[in-house]
Amino acid sequence: MTLDGRHFEDLFGRSRLSLGKLISCAAVNSETREEVAIKKIGNAFDNRIDAKRTLREIKLLRHMDHENVIAIKDIIRPPLKEDFNDVYIVYELMDTDLHQIIRSNQSLTDDHCRVVLQYFLYQVLRGLKYVHSANVLHRDLKPNNLLLNANCDLKIGDFGLARATSETDFMTEYVVTRWYRAPELLLNCSEYTAAIDIWSVGCILGEIMTRQPLFPGKDYVHQLRLITEVCYLRSPEKLPKSSSDGLLLVAPLL
């Protein structure tokens, strides 16, 4: 495919993912031979909220430079302003995400895998520390948004719901996928802190250890009930099976 005068070849065997108006694919730049990921956002400006999220993600990632945060390589624009309906964002290419690792048949119980998973957690917290130090909340941390390559390098991706804490606009509570959403968001609190991201990390860690979502709520009420039973009524039997050491590690994050 040719975009803005540049030719990209689809990488053989790489999957193409379509999520509504979002289409992501792996490609290689024919000139530089660099492998990249291209995300197409179709009709990006038809909806004000979607347009704002797209521009916010581009703005934030353009100013970030960290080993554990996904990097934007380029923004591909059409030759004519009148044709600017779709947005193509070029990212560095990663091989998979944490969700795929958790759902795979790979054993996660041997000593080698434990070390690798600890390394994943270290990288998540390292990248999140950088994001928070820039006064930015990610607001949508989940296994699908933690990208990995063959070297076990992890990068935080998908900043579509992220925002700077210095912004004066009303902060919506409708952020973060429900299973990873902190109690204050479930209770419609519009004033929250970076703690909502730390909560999500705790949920992700629990999911890594048990290979099941920690709080798989069916709706808001069920989600709050699951959280209350585990965190406030101290009923560890409600958790999926895990070691006591693992539970001690997850608890401070929740």
C-alpha atoms as a PDB file:
ATOM      1  CA  MET A   1       0.000   0.000   0.000  1.00  0.00           C
ATOM      2  CA  THR A   2       1.143   3.565  -0.705  1.00  0.00           C
ATOM      3  CA  LEU A   3       0.541   6.332   1.833  1.00  0.00           C
ATOM      4  CA  ASP A   4       1.667   9.929   1.337  1.00  0.00           C
ATOM      5  CA  GLY A   5       4.129   8.834  -1.343  1.00  0.00           C
ATOM      6  CA  ARG A   6       5.646   6.103   0.838  1.00  0.00           C
ATOM      7  CA  HIS A   7       5.217   2.443   0.060  1.00  0.00           C
ATOM      8  CA  PHE A   8       4.590  -0.116   2.782  1.00  0.00           C
ATOM      9  CA  GLU A   9       4.500  -3.869   2.247  1.00  0.00           C
ATOM     10  CA  ASP A  10       2.275  -6.054   4.418  1.00  0.00           C
ATOM     11  CA  LEU A  11       4.397  -8.439   6.449  1.00  0.00           C
ATOM     12  CA  PHE A  12       3.598 -12.002   5.482  1.00  0.00           C
ATOM     13  CA  GLY A  13       1.971 -13.941   8.278  1.00  0.00           C
ATOM     14  CA  ARG A  14       1.275 -10.888  10.438  1.00  0.00           C
ATOM     15  CA  SER A  15      -2.316 -10.542  11.573  1.00  0.00           C
ATOM     16  CA  ARG A  16      -4.539  -7.636  10.684  1.00  0.00           C
ATOM     17  CA  LEU A  17      -6.869  -6.579  13.490  1.00  0.00           C
ATOM     18  CA  SER A  18     -10.090  -4.663  12.932  1.00  0.00           C
ATOM     19  CA  LEU A  19     -11.849  -3.031  15.875  1.00  0.00           C
ATOM     20  CA  GLY A  20     -14.695  -0.906  14.620  1.00  0.00           C
ATOM     21  CA  LYS A  21     -13.061   2.041  12.904  1.00  0.00           C
ATOM     22  CA  LEU A  22      -9.560   0.950  14.030  1.00  0.00           C
ATOM     23  CA  ILE A  23      -7.507  -1.271  11.744  1.00  0.00           C
ATOM     24  CA  SER A  24      -3.977  -2.252  12.712  1.00  0.00           C
ATOM     25  CA  CYS A  25      -1.481  -4.147  10.584  1.00  0.00           C
ATOM     26  CA  ALA A  26       2.229  -4.916  10.456  1.00  0.00           C
ATOM     27  CA  ALA A  27       4.172  -3.554   7.497  1.00  0.00           C
ATOM     28  CA  VAL A  28       7.678  -2.835   6.277  1.00  0.00           C
ATOM     29  CA  ASN A  29       8.807   0.471   4.779  1.00  0.00           C
ATOM     30  CA  SER A  30      10.021  -0.355   1.264  1.00  0.00           C
ATOM     31  CA  GLU A  31      12.730   2.322   1.397  1.00  0.00           C
ATOM     32  CA  THR A  32      14.152   1.940   4.897  1.00  0.00           C
ATOM     33  CA  ARG A  33      13.171  -1.758   5.357  1.00  0.00           C
ATOM     34  CA  GLU A  34      12.040  -0.852   8.864  1.00  0.00           C
ATOM     35  CA  GLU A  35       9.245  -3.009  10.257  1.00  0.00           C
ATOM     36  CA  VAL A  36       6.424  -0.931  11.721  1.00  0.00           C
ATOM     37  CA  ALA A  37       2.834  -1.165  12.892  1.00  0.00           C
ATOM     38  CA  ILE A  38       0.278   1.038  11.158  1.00  0.00           C
ATOM     39  CA  LYS A  39      -2.990   1.930  12.844  1.00  0.00           C
ATOM     40  CA  LYS A  40      -5.714   3.312  10.623  1.00  0.00           C
ATOM     41  CA  ILE A  41      -8.468   5.324  12.276  1.00  0.00           C
ATOM     42  CA  GLY A  42     -11.239   5.582   9.725  1.00  0.00           C
ATOM     43  CA  ASN A  43     -13.339   8.749   9.538  1.00  0.00           C
ATOM     44  CA  ALA A  44     -11.409  10.010  12.534  1.00  0.00           C
ATOM     45  CA  PHE A  45     -13.121  13.385  12.655  1.00  0.00           C
ATOM     46  CA  ASP A  46     -16.752  12.323  12.330  1.00  0.00           C
ATOM     47  CA  ASN A  47     -17.162  12.074  16.086  1.00  0.00           C
ATOM     48  CA  ARG A  48     -15.901  14.845  18.367  1.00  0.00           C
ATOM     49  CA  ILE A  49     -15.004  12.514  21.241  1.00  0.00           C
ATOM     50  CA  ASP A  50     -13.104  10.067  19.008  1.00  0.00           C
ATOM     51  CA  ALA A  51     -11.270  12.921  17.301  1.00  0.00           C
ATOM     52  CA  LYS A  52     -10.260  14.389  20.641  1.00  0.00           C
ATOM     53  CA  ARG A  53      -8.925  11.041  21.847  1.00  0.00           C
ATOM     54  CA  THR A  54      -6.939  10.525  18.654  1.00  0.00           C
ATOM     55  CA  LEU A  55      -5.353  13.961  18.822  1.00  0.00           C
ATOM     56  CA  ARG A  56      -4.648  13.537  22.533  1.00  0.00           C
ATOM     57  CA  GLU A  57      -2.844  10.228  21.952  1.00  0.00           C
ATOM     58  CA  ILE A  58      -0.715  11.743  19.191  1.00  0.00           C
ATOM     59  CA  LYS A  59       0.084  14.812  21.271  1.00  0.00           C
ATOM     60  CA  LEU A  60       1.089  12.838  24.369  1.00  0.00           C
ATOM     61  CA  LEU A  61       3.158  10.166  22.622  1.00  0.00           C
ATOM     62  CA  ARG A  62       4.972  12.751  20.487  1.00  0.00           C
ATOM     63  CA  HIS A  63       6.380  14.202  23.714  1.00  0.00           C
ATOM     64  CA  MET A  64       7.264  10.894  25.373  1.00  0.00           C
ATOM     65  CA  ASP A  65      10.557   9.064  25.008  1.00  0.00           C
ATOM     66  CA  HIS A  66      10.965   6.000  27.197  1.00  0.00           C
ATOM     67  CA  GLU A  67      11.973   2.381  26.685  1.00  0.00           C
ATOM     68  CA  ASN A  68       8.710   1.132  28.172  1.00  0.00           C
ATOM     69  CA  VAL A  69       6.312   3.429  26.311  1.00  0.00           C
ATOM     70  CA  ILE A  70       5.335   2.734  22.708  1.00  0.00           C
ATOM     71  CA  ALA A  71       6.829   5.233  20.253  1.00  0.00           C
ATOM     72  CA  ILE A  72       5.092   6.975  17.371  1.00  0.00           C
ATOM     73  CA  LYS A  73       7.280   6.840  14.275  1.00  0.00           C
ATOM     74  CA  ASP A  74       5.207   8.990  11.980  1.00  0.00           C
ATOM     75  CA  ILE A  75       1.806  10.428  11.157  1.00  0.00           C
ATOM     76  CA  ILE A  76       0.840   9.845   7.531  1.00  0.00           C
ATOM     77  CA  ARG A  77      -1.275  12.588   6.007  1.00  0.00           C
ATOM     78  CA  PRO A  78      -2.971  12.791   2.592  1.00  0.00           C
ATOM     79  CA  PRO A  79      -1.614  15.199  -0.046  1.00  0.00           C
ATOM     80  CA  LEU A  80      -4.812  17.265   0.006  1.00  0.00           C
ATOM     81  CA  LYS A  81      -6.481  18.694   3.101  1.00  0.00           C
ATOM     82  CA  GLU A  82      -9.880  17.836   1.633  1.00  0.00           C
ATOM     83  CA  ASP A  83      -8.955  14.126   1.693  1.00  0.00           C
ATOM     84  CA  PHE A  84      -7.979  14.157   5.367  1.00  0.00           C
ATOM     85  CA  ASN A  85     -10.663  11.767   6.626  1.00  0.00           C
ATOM     86  CA  ASP A  86      -8.595   8.840   7.875  1.00  0.00           C
ATOM     87  CA  VAL A  87      -5.612   9.028  10.227  1.00  0.00           C
ATOM     88  CA  TYR A  88      -2.678   6.645   9.826  1.00  0.00           C
ATOM     89  CA  ILE A  89      -0.358   6.411  12.821  1.00  0.00           C
ATOM     90  CA  VAL A  90       2.941   4.545  12.429  1.00  0.00           C
ATOM     91  CA  TYR A  91       4.280   2.900  15.588  1.00  0.00           C
ATOM     92  CA  GLU A  92       7.287   0.753  16.346  1.00  0.00           C
ATOM     93  CA  LEU A  93       6.362  -2.880  15.774  1.00  0.00           C
ATOM     94  CA  MET A  94       5.833  -5.276  18.673  1.00  0.00           C
ATOM     95  CA  ASP A  95       5.185  -9.013  18.378  1.00  0.00           C
ATOM     96  CA  THR A  96       2.332  -9.657  20.805  1.00  0.00           C
ATOM     97  CA  ASP A  97       0.673  -8.409  23.985  1.00  0.00           C
ATOM     98  CA  LEU A  98       0.384  -9.621  27.564  1.00  0.00           C
ATOM     99  CA  HIS A  99      -3.182 -10.809  27.028  1.00  0.00           C
ATOM    100  CA  GLN A 100      -1.979 -13.295  24.407  1.00  0.00           C
ATOM    101  CA  ILE A 101       0.750 -14.563  26.756  1.00  0.00           C
ATOM    102  CA  ILE A 102      -1.707 -15.091  29.613  1.00  0.00           C
ATOM    103  CA  ARG A 103      -4.170 -16.895  27.343  1.00  0.00           C
ATOM    104  CA  SER A 104      -1.496 -19.085  25.699  1.00  0.00           C
ATOM    105  CA  ASN A 105      -0.730 -22.704  26.563  1.00  0.00           C
ATOM    106  CA  GLN A 106       2.745 -21.718  27.739  1.00  0.00           C
ATOM    107  CA  SER A 107       3.398 -22.811  31.323  1.00  0.00           C
ATOM    108  CA  LEU A 108       3.933 -19.839  33.637  1.00  0.00           C
ATOM    109  CA  THR A 109       4.826 -21.803  36.747  1.00  0.00           C
ATOM    110  CA  ASP A 110       8.475 -22.802  36.256  1.00  0.00           C
ATOM    111  CA  ASP A 111      11.291 -20.665  37.659  1.00  0.00           C
ATOM    112  CA  HIS A 112      12.307 -19.222  34.280  1.00  0.00           C
ATOM    113  CA  CYS A 113       8.783 -18.013  33.538  1.00  0.00           C
ATOM    114  CA  ARG A 114       8.471 -16.505  37.009  1.00  0.00           C
ATOM    115  CA  VAL A 115      11.584 -14.420  36.363  1.00  0.00           C
ATOM    116  CA  VAL A 116      10.240 -13.314  32.973  1.00  0.00           C
ATOM    117  CA  LEU A 117       6.870 -12.318  34.469  1.00  0.00           C
ATOM    118  CA  GLN A 118       8.625 -10.395  37.241  1.00  0.00           C
ATOM    119  CA  TYR A 119      10.550  -8.597  34.505  1.00  0.00           C
ATOM    120  CA  PHE A 120       7.264  -7.744  32.785  1.00  0.00           C
ATOM    121  CA  LEU A 121       5.898  -6.246  36.015  1.00  0.00           C
ATOM    122  CA  TYR A 122       9.100  -4.263  36.549  1.00  0.00           C
ATOM    123  CA  GLN A 123       8.815  -2.779  33.068  1.00  0.00           C
ATOM    124  CA  VAL A 124       5.138  -1.885  33.528  1.00  0.00           C
ATOM    125  CA  LEU A 125       5.902   0.000  36.750  1.00  0.00           C
ATOM    126  CA  ARG A 126       8.988   1.621  35.230  1.00  0.00           C
ATOM    127  CA  GLY A 127       7.036   2.883  32.230  1.00  0.00           C
ATOM    128  CA  LEU A 128       4.129   3.978  34.413  1.00  0.00           C
ATOM    129  CA  LYS A 129       6.462   5.935  36.680  1.00  0.00           C
ATOM    130  CA  TYR A 130       7.677   7.847  33.625  1.00  0.00           C
ATOM    131  CA  VAL A 131       4.120   8.507  32.410  1.00  0.00           C
ATOM    132  CA  HIS A 132       3.008   9.723  35.839  1.00  0.00           C
ATOM    133  CA  SER A 133       6.119  11.904  36.211  1.00  0.00           C
ATOM    134  CA  ALA A 134       4.921  13.717  33.084  1.00  0.00           C
ATOM    135  CA  ASN A 135       1.611  14.387  34.905  1.00  0.00           C
ATOM    136  CA  VAL A 136      -0.249  12.005  32.619  1.00  0.00           C
ATOM    137  CA  LEU A 137      -2.771   9.324  33.598  1.00  0.00           C
ATOM    138  CA  HIS A 138      -3.023   6.375  31.213  1.00  0.00           C
ATOM    139  CA  ARG A 139      -6.569   5.434  32.315  1.00  0.00           C
ATOM    140  CA  ASP A 140      -6.809   2.231  30.277  1.00  0.00           C
ATOM    141  CA  LEU A 141      -4.185  -0.205  31.516  1.00  0.00           C
ATOM    142  CA  LYS A 142      -5.027  -3.831  30.742  1.00  0.00           C
ATOM    143  CA  PRO A 143      -3.112  -6.842  29.363  1.00  0.00           C
ATOM    144  CA  ASN A 144      -4.111  -6.021  25.761  1.00  0.00           C
ATOM    145  CA  ASN A 145      -2.387  -2.625  26.025  1.00  0.00           C
ATOM    146  CA  LEU A 146       0.928  -4.003  27.292  1.00  0.00           C
ATOM    147  CA  LEU A 147       2.897  -4.840  24.149  1.00  0.00           C
ATOM    148  CA  LEU A 148       5.788  -7.312  23.983  1.00  0.00           C
ATOM    149  CA  ASN A 149       8.500  -8.417  21.573  1.00  0.00           C
ATOM    150  CA  ALA A 150      10.657 -11.535  21.275  1.00  0.00           C
ATOM    151  CA  ASN A 151      13.283 -10.027  23.603  1.00  0.00           C
ATOM    152  CA  CYS A 152      10.684  -9.743  26.403  1.00  0.00           C
ATOM    153  CA  ASP A 153      10.742  -5.958  26.094  1.00  0.00           C
ATOM    154  CA  LEU A 154       7.439  -4.476  27.277  1.00  0.00           C
ATOM    155  CA  LYS A 155       5.920  -1.187  26.197  1.00  0.00           C
ATOM    156  CA  ILE A 156       2.761   0.534  27.383  1.00  0.00           C
ATOM    157  CA  GLY A 157       0.512   1.287  24.433  1.00  0.00           C
ATOM    158  CA  ASP A 158      -2.878   2.753  23.498  1.00  0.00           C
ATOM    159  CA  PHE A 159      -2.974   6.228  24.999  1.00  0.00           C
ATOM    160  CA  GLY A 160      -6.386   6.993  23.516  1.00  0.00           C
ATOM    161  CA  LEU A 161      -7.928   7.548  26.967  1.00  0.00           C
ATOM    162  CA  ALA A 162      -4.851   9.121  28.555  1.00  0.00           C
ATOM    163  CA  ARG A 163      -4.869  12.736  29.651  1.00  0.00           C
ATOM    164  CA  ALA A 164      -2.700  15.266  31.410  1.00  0.00           C
ATOM    165  CA  THR A 165      -3.638  15.923  35.027  1.00  0.00           C
ATOM    166  CA  SER A 166      -3.053  19.634  34.437  1.00  0.00           C
ATOM    167  CA  GLU A 167      -5.964  19.861  31.991  1.00  0.00           C
ATOM    168  CA  THR A 168      -8.869  21.856  33.370  1.00  0.00           C
ATOM    169  CA  ASP A 169     -11.657  19.979  31.574  1.00  0.00           C
ATOM    170  CA  PHE A 170     -14.033  17.810  33.572  1.00  0.00           C
ATOM    171  CA  MET A 171     -12.513  14.365  34.120  1.00  0.00           C
ATOM    172  CA  THR A 172     -14.901  11.612  33.083  1.00  0.00           C
ATOM    173  CA  GLU A 173     -15.228   8.524  35.226  1.00  0.00           C
ATOM    174  CA  TYR A 174     -15.984   6.371  32.169  1.00  0.00           C
ATOM    175  CA  VAL A 175     -12.422   5.209  31.599  1.00  0.00           C
ATOM    176  CA  VAL A 176     -10.555   1.930  32.032  1.00  0.00           C
ATOM    177  CA  THR A 177     -12.049  -1.394  30.955  1.00  0.00           C
ATOM    178  CA  ARG A 178     -14.436  -2.476  33.719  1.00  0.00           C
ATOM    179  CA  TRP A 179     -12.433  -5.441  35.049  1.00  0.00           C
ATOM    180  CA  TYR A 180      -9.444  -3.179  35.705  1.00  0.00           C
ATOM    181  CA  ARG A 181     -11.390  -0.167  36.941  1.00  0.00           C
ATOM    182  CA  ALA A 182     -10.689   1.256  40.412  1.00  0.00           C
ATOM    183  CA  PRO A 183     -13.576   1.559  42.933  1.00  0.00           C
ATOM    184  CA  GLU A 184     -13.579   5.363  42.776  1.00  0.00           C
ATOM    185  CA  LEU A 185     -14.338   5.184  39.051  1.00  0.00           C
ATOM    186  CA  LEU A 186     -17.089   2.628  39.581  1.00  0.00           C
ATOM    187  CA  LEU A 187     -18.614   5.058  42.104  1.00  0.00           C
ATOM    188  CA  ASN A 188     -18.657   7.845  39.487  1.00  0.00           C
ATOM    189  CA  CYS A 189     -15.937   9.923  41.118  1.00  0.00           C
ATOM    190  CA  SER A 190     -14.759  12.654  38.748  1.00  0.00           C
ATOM    191  CA  GLU A 191     -11.740  13.586  40.864  1.00  0.00           C
ATOM    192  CA  TYR A 192      -9.141  10.835  40.855  1.00  0.00           C
ATOM    193  CA  THR A 193      -5.376  10.406  40.830  1.00  0.00           C
ATOM    194  CA  ALA A 194      -2.653   8.183  39.413  1.00  0.00           C
ATOM    195  CA  ALA A 195      -3.831   5.562  41.917  1.00  0.00           C
ATOM    196  CA  ILE A 196      -6.367   4.375  39.318  1.00  0.00           C
ATOM    197  CA  ASP A 197      -3.484   3.163  37.135  1.00  0.00           C
ATOM    198  CA  ILE A 198      -1.815   1.413  40.083  1.00  0.00           C
ATOM    199  CA  TRP A 199      -5.091  -0.407  40.785  1.00  0.00           C
ATOM    200  CA  SER A 200      -5.115  -1.623  37.181  1.00  0.00           C
ATOM    201  CA  VAL A 201      -1.551  -2.924  37.587  1.00  0.00           C
ATOM    202  CA  GLY A 202      -2.657  -4.902  40.655  1.00  0.00           C
ATOM    203  CA  CYS A 203      -5.502  -6.462  38.668  1.00  0.00           C
ATOM    204  CA  ILE A 204      -3.097  -7.312  35.842  1.00  0.00           C
ATOM    205  CA  LEU A 205      -0.610  -8.893  38.257  1.00  0.00           C
ATOM    206  CA  GLY A 206      -3.359 -11.037  39.757  1.00  0.00           C
ATOM    207  CA  GLU A 207      -4.382 -12.121  36.274  1.00  0.00           C
ATOM    208  CA  ILE A 208      -0.788 -13.060  35.411  1.00  0.00           C
ATOM    209  CA  MET A 209      -0.537 -15.286  38.479  1.00  0.00           C
ATOM    210  CA  THR A 210      -3.912 -17.000  38.118  1.00  0.00           C
ATOM    211  CA  ARG A 211      -4.457 -16.759  34.342  1.00  0.00           C
ATOM    212  CA  GLN A 212      -7.947 -15.493  35.119  1.00  0.00           C
ATOM    213  CA  PRO A 213      -9.282 -11.941  35.501  1.00  0.00           C
ATOM    214  CA  LEU A 214      -9.147 -10.946  39.163  1.00  0.00           C
ATOM    215  CA  PHE A 215     -12.521  -9.145  39.190  1.00  0.00           C
ATOM    216  CA  PRO A 216     -14.550 -10.287  36.127  1.00  0.00           C
ATOM    217  CA  GLY A 217     -17.639  -8.233  36.908  1.00  0.00           C
ATOM    218  CA  LYS A 218     -20.681  -8.631  34.660  1.00  0.00           C
ATOM    219  CA  ASP A 219     -21.808  -5.057  35.360  1.00  0.00           C
ATOM    220  CA  TYR A 220     -21.034  -2.141  37.703  1.00  0.00           C
ATOM    221  CA  VAL A 221     -22.836  -3.628  40.702  1.00  0.00           C
ATOM    222  CA  HIS A 222     -21.287  -7.067  40.279  1.00  0.00           C
ATOM    223  CA  GLN A 223     -17.855  -5.483  39.835  1.00  0.00           C
ATOM    224  CA  LEU A 224     -18.159  -3.584  43.116  1.00  0.00           C
ATOM    225  CA  ARG A 225     -19.400  -6.697  44.893  1.00  0.00           C
ATOM    226  CA  LEU A 226     -16.380  -8.737  43.774  1.00  0.00           C
ATOM    227  CA  ILE A 227     -13.998  -5.990  44.885  1.00  0.00           C
ATOM    228  CA  THR A 228     -15.740  -5.608  48.245  1.00  0.00           C
ATOM    229  CA  GLU A 229     -15.645  -9.332  48.966  1.00  0.00           C
ATOM    230  CA  VAL A 230     -11.906  -9.579  48.347  1.00  0.00           C
ATOM    231  CA  CYS A 231     -10.474  -6.229  49.410  1.00  0.00           C
ATOM    232  CA  TYR A 232     -12.758  -5.079  52.195  1.00  0.00           C
ATOM    233  CA  LEU A 233     -14.338  -8.223  53.621  1.00  0.00           C
ATOM    234  CA  ARG A 234     -10.957  -9.954  53.316  1.00  0.00           C
ATOM    235  CA  SER A 235     -12.301 -13.133  51.770  1.00  0.00           C
ATOM    236  CA  PRO A 236      -9.257 -14.567  49.935  1.00  0.00           C
ATOM    237  CA  GLU A 237     -11.220 -17.718  49.088  1.00  0.00           C
ATOM    238  CA  LYS A 238     -13.081 -15.553  46.569  1.00  0.00           C
ATOM    239  CA  LEU A 239      -9.837 -15.145  44.604  1.00  0.00           C
ATOM    240  CA  PRO A 240      -8.711 -17.595  41.941  1.00  0.00           C
ATOM    241  CA  LYS A 241      -6.162 -20.061  43.313  1.00  0.00           C
ATOM    242  CA  SER A 242      -2.720 -18.535  43.900  1.00  0.00           C
ATOM    243  CA  SER A 243       0.167 -18.708  46.331  1.00  0.00           C
ATOM    244  CA  SER A 244       0.075 -16.745  49.587  1.00  0.00           C
ATOM    245  CA  ASP A 245       3.245 -14.911  48.512  1.00  0.00           C
ATOM    246  CA  GLY A 246       1.509 -13.873  45.320  1.00  0.00           C
ATOM    247  CA  LEU A 247      -1.495 -12.532  47.198  1.00  0.00           C
ATOM    248  CA  LEU A 248       0.816 -10.517  49.455  1.00  0.00           C
ATOM    249  CA  LEU A 249       2.356  -8.956  46.354  1.00  0.00           C
ATOM    250  CA  VAL A 250      -0.988  -8.038  44.793  1.00  0.00           C
ATOM    251  CA  ALA A 251      -2.616  -6.649  47.965  1.00  0.00           C
ATOM    252  CA  PRO A 252      -0.604  -3.369  48.249  1.00  0.00           C
ATOM    253  CA  LEU A 253      -1.522  -2.463  44.669  1.00  0.00           C
ATOM    254  CA  LEU A 254      -5.267  -2.675  45.319  1.00  0.00           C
END
